[in-house]
Amino acid sequence: MKKNTGIQCIIVLLFVASFFVAASSKQTPPLALDDAKEQTQILQLIDTESKAFWDKDYDKWAACWVHEPYIRTMGWWKDGGVTVVNGWDERGRRTKGYMKDFPDPNPQNVRRENINVRILKDAAWVTFDQYGTDTGEAVMDMPGLSRETRFLEKHNGQWKIVYTGWLLEGKKP
């Protein structure tokens, strides 16, 4: 009788272990209550932030960001190499300076493709390919294909950007 009990315990343990292995290998779905609504809000925020950046509207642009020391921007472009900006104080100061030094709006009519949005309860990440036009502006131009990443957090019911990453490949047909 004890042999069967031991074997039964081992079988039960193997069954439970296989359940946890199978469950952990499955992709967890997003936790947002209304993914379509949340995704629309997130993509609108990205559009608003980008447009405000190119329109040189600092206040509107800054309203899209979390103003904390942990935010970050990282990117690469052939004319400037690797760019890393840590914290809101530096990000806000640098962007305000660019907008002051290059005050004329630099409107872009970007096209975004391969958009991937993953939404969790109060956080989201987005990746996409962005195609910008060459306007000739030296500092704030994004011509051609750029591989983009955004991380967002929800603060007081509103999505805000905490991370922007970009790799500007440049002109592509």
Protein backbone atom coordinates (compact mmCIF):
# COMPACT_ATOMS: atom_id res chain seq x y z
CA MET A 1 0.00 0.00 0.00
CA LYS A 2 2.83 2.41 0.83
CA LYS A 3 4.45 1.75 -2.56
CA ASN A 4 1.28 2.82 -4.35
CA THR A 5 0.97 5.91 -2.18
CA GLY A 6 4.56 6.90 -3.01
CA ILE A 7 4.05 6.26 -6.71
CA GLN A 8 0.76 8.15 -6.61
CA CYS A 9 2.49 11.11 -4.96
CA ILE A 10 5.20 11.11 -7.62
CA ILE A 11 2.58 10.96 -10.39
CA VAL A 12 0.64 13.84 -8.82
CA LEU A 13 3.84 15.89 -8.42
CA LEU A 14 4.82 15.24 -12.04
CA PHE A 15 1.33 16.24 -13.19
CA VAL A 16 1.42 19.47 -11.15
CA ALA A 17 4.97 20.25 -12.34
CA SER A 18 4.00 19.68 -15.98
CA PHE A 19 1.01 22.01 -15.50
CA PHE A 20 3.27 24.80 -14.20
CA VAL A 21 5.82 24.28 -16.99
CA ALA A 22 3.05 24.41 -19.62
CA ALA A 23 1.45 27.46 -18.01
CA SER A 24 4.74 29.35 -17.74
CA SER A 25 5.59 28.73 -21.40
CA LYS A 26 2.37 30.38 -22.62
CA GLN A 27 2.39 34.07 -23.44
CA THR A 28 0.40 36.08 -20.91
CA PRO A 29 -2.24 38.28 -22.53
CA PRO A 30 -2.28 42.01 -21.82
CA LEU A 31 -4.07 43.02 -18.63
CA ALA A 32 -5.76 46.25 -19.80
CA LEU A 33 -9.52 46.31 -19.39
CA ASP A 34 -10.18 47.78 -22.83
CA ASP A 35 -7.20 47.18 -25.11
CA ALA A 36 -8.64 48.95 -28.14
CA LYS A 37 -9.37 52.13 -26.16
CA GLU A 38 -5.98 52.01 -24.42
CA GLN A 39 -4.14 51.39 -27.70
CA THR A 40 -5.91 54.35 -29.34
CA GLN A 41 -4.92 56.61 -26.41
CA ILE A 42 -1.31 55.41 -26.54
CA LEU A 43 -0.93 55.91 -30.30
CA GLN A 44 -2.58 59.34 -30.06
CA LEU A 45 -0.11 60.31 -27.33
CA ILE A 46 2.83 59.24 -29.52
CA ASP A 47 1.40 61.28 -32.42
CA THR A 48 0.83 64.31 -30.16
CA GLU A 49 4.34 64.13 -28.70
CA SER A 50 5.98 63.81 -32.13
CA LYS A 51 3.94 66.63 -33.67
CA ALA A 52 4.64 68.94 -30.72
CA PHE A 53 8.37 68.14 -31.02
CA TRP A 54 8.51 69.06 -34.70
CA ASP A 55 6.16 72.04 -34.25
CA LYS A 56 8.53 73.31 -31.50
CA ASP A 57 5.68 73.46 -28.96
CA TYR A 58 7.64 72.76 -25.79
CA ASP A 59 4.71 72.87 -23.33
CA LYS A 60 2.59 70.47 -25.39
CA TRP A 61 5.58 68.18 -25.92
CA ALA A 62 6.53 68.20 -22.22
CA ALA A 63 2.94 67.34 -21.21
CA CYS A 64 3.41 63.95 -22.93
CA TRP A 65 6.28 62.93 -20.64
CA VAL A 66 6.70 61.76 -17.05
CA HIS A 67 8.86 64.37 -15.29
CA GLU A 68 11.03 62.06 -13.20
CA PRO A 69 14.74 61.23 -12.92
CA TYR A 70 14.21 57.68 -14.27
CA ILE A 71 13.03 58.63 -17.77
CA ARG A 72 15.47 58.03 -20.61
CA THR A 73 16.02 58.63 -24.29
CA MET A 74 18.48 56.57 -26.31
CA GLY A 75 19.08 56.70 -30.01
CA TRP A 76 21.48 56.52 -32.89
CA TRP A 77 21.85 58.48 -36.11
CA LYS A 78 24.79 58.69 -38.50
CA ASP A 79 25.42 62.43 -37.98
CA GLY A 80 25.33 62.29 -34.19
CA GLY A 81 26.18 58.72 -33.26
CA VAL A 82 24.82 57.36 -30.00
CA THR A 83 22.65 59.70 -27.95
CA VAL A 84 21.73 58.95 -24.31
CA VAL A 85 19.74 61.37 -22.20
CA ASN A 86 19.01 60.46 -18.57
CA GLY A 87 16.27 62.01 -16.48
CA TRP A 88 13.63 64.65 -17.07
CA ASP A 89 15.85 67.55 -16.01
CA GLU A 90 18.31 66.81 -18.80
CA ARG A 91 15.67 65.77 -21.37
CA GLY A 92 13.54 68.86 -20.75
CA ARG A 93 16.53 71.23 -20.74
CA ARG A 94 18.00 69.79 -23.95
CA THR A 95 14.73 69.81 -25.85
CA LYS A 96 13.89 73.33 -24.71
CA GLY A 97 17.36 74.40 -25.92
CA TYR A 98 16.90 72.74 -29.33
CA MET A 99 13.55 74.44 -29.74
CA LYS A 100 15.02 77.81 -28.77
CA ASP A 101 18.02 77.41 -31.12
CA PHE A 102 15.86 76.10 -34.01
CA PRO A 103 12.50 77.84 -33.42
CA ASP A 104 10.94 77.39 -36.85
CA PRO A 105 8.46 74.51 -37.00
CA ASN A 106 9.77 71.45 -38.82
CA PRO A 107 6.53 69.66 -39.75
CA GLN A 108 6.86 65.99 -40.57
CA ASN A 109 4.33 63.81 -42.29
CA VAL A 110 5.55 60.51 -40.90
CA ARG A 111 4.28 57.09 -41.83
CA ARG A 112 4.29 54.38 -39.17
CA GLU A 113 4.25 50.68 -40.01
CA ASN A 114 4.77 47.38 -38.19
CA ILE A 115 3.21 48.82 -35.04
CA ASN A 116 3.36 46.48 -32.06
CA VAL A 117 1.62 47.54 -28.84
CA ARG A 118 1.76 45.54 -25.60
CA ILE A 119 -0.39 46.86 -22.78
CA LEU A 120 -0.19 45.87 -19.16
CA LYS A 121 -2.28 47.39 -16.39
CA ASP A 122 -0.41 50.69 -15.97
CA ALA A 123 2.47 50.24 -18.40
CA ALA A 124 2.86 49.68 -22.12
CA TRP A 125 5.57 49.33 -24.73
CA VAL A 126 5.31 50.10 -28.40
CA THR A 127 7.63 49.39 -31.32
CA PHE A 128 7.20 50.63 -34.88
CA ASP A 129 8.98 51.56 -38.08
CA GLN A 130 8.71 55.26 -38.82
CA TYR A 131 9.35 56.91 -42.17
CA GLY A 132 10.08 60.64 -42.04
CA THR A 133 10.80 63.24 -44.66
CA ASP A 134 14.06 65.11 -45.19
CA THR A 135 13.32 68.74 -44.35
CA GLY A 136 16.96 69.77 -44.16
CA GLU A 137 16.93 70.78 -40.50
CA ALA A 138 20.29 69.80 -39.02
CA VAL A 139 19.31 68.77 -35.48
CA MET A 140 15.64 67.82 -35.36
CA ASP A 141 15.15 66.07 -38.70
CA MET A 142 14.37 62.33 -38.95
CA PRO A 143 14.57 61.48 -42.67
CA GLY A 144 13.97 57.95 -43.87
CA LEU A 145 13.44 54.81 -41.84
CA SER A 146 13.73 54.96 -38.07
CA ARG A 147 13.20 51.95 -35.78
CA GLU A 148 11.29 53.32 -32.79
CA THR A 149 10.49 52.13 -29.26
CA ARG A 150 8.36 53.77 -26.59
CA PHE A 151 7.71 52.76 -22.99
CA LEU A 152 4.76 54.40 -21.29
CA GLU A 153 3.23 54.52 -17.82
CA LYS A 154 -0.23 55.54 -16.76
CA HIS A 155 -0.22 58.47 -14.31
CA ASN A 156 -3.51 59.80 -12.92
CA GLY A 157 -5.41 57.96 -15.66
CA GLN A 158 -3.26 59.38 -18.49
CA TRP A 159 -0.58 57.65 -20.53
CA LYS A 160 2.83 59.36 -20.39
CA ILE A 161 6.15 58.52 -22.06
CA VAL A 162 9.05 57.33 -19.89
CA TYR A 163 11.41 56.03 -22.59
CA THR A 164 12.05 56.76 -26.24
CA GLY A 165 14.48 54.77 -28.33
CA TRP A 166 15.29 55.24 -32.00
CA LEU A 167 17.74 53.93 -34.57
CA LEU A 168 17.73 56.15 -37.64
CA GLU A 169 18.69 53.99 -40.59
CA GLY A 170 18.06 56.89 -42.92
CA LYS A 171 16.92 57.17 -46.47
CA LYS A 172 15.23 54.10 -47.87
CA PRO A 173 13.02 53.83 -50.97
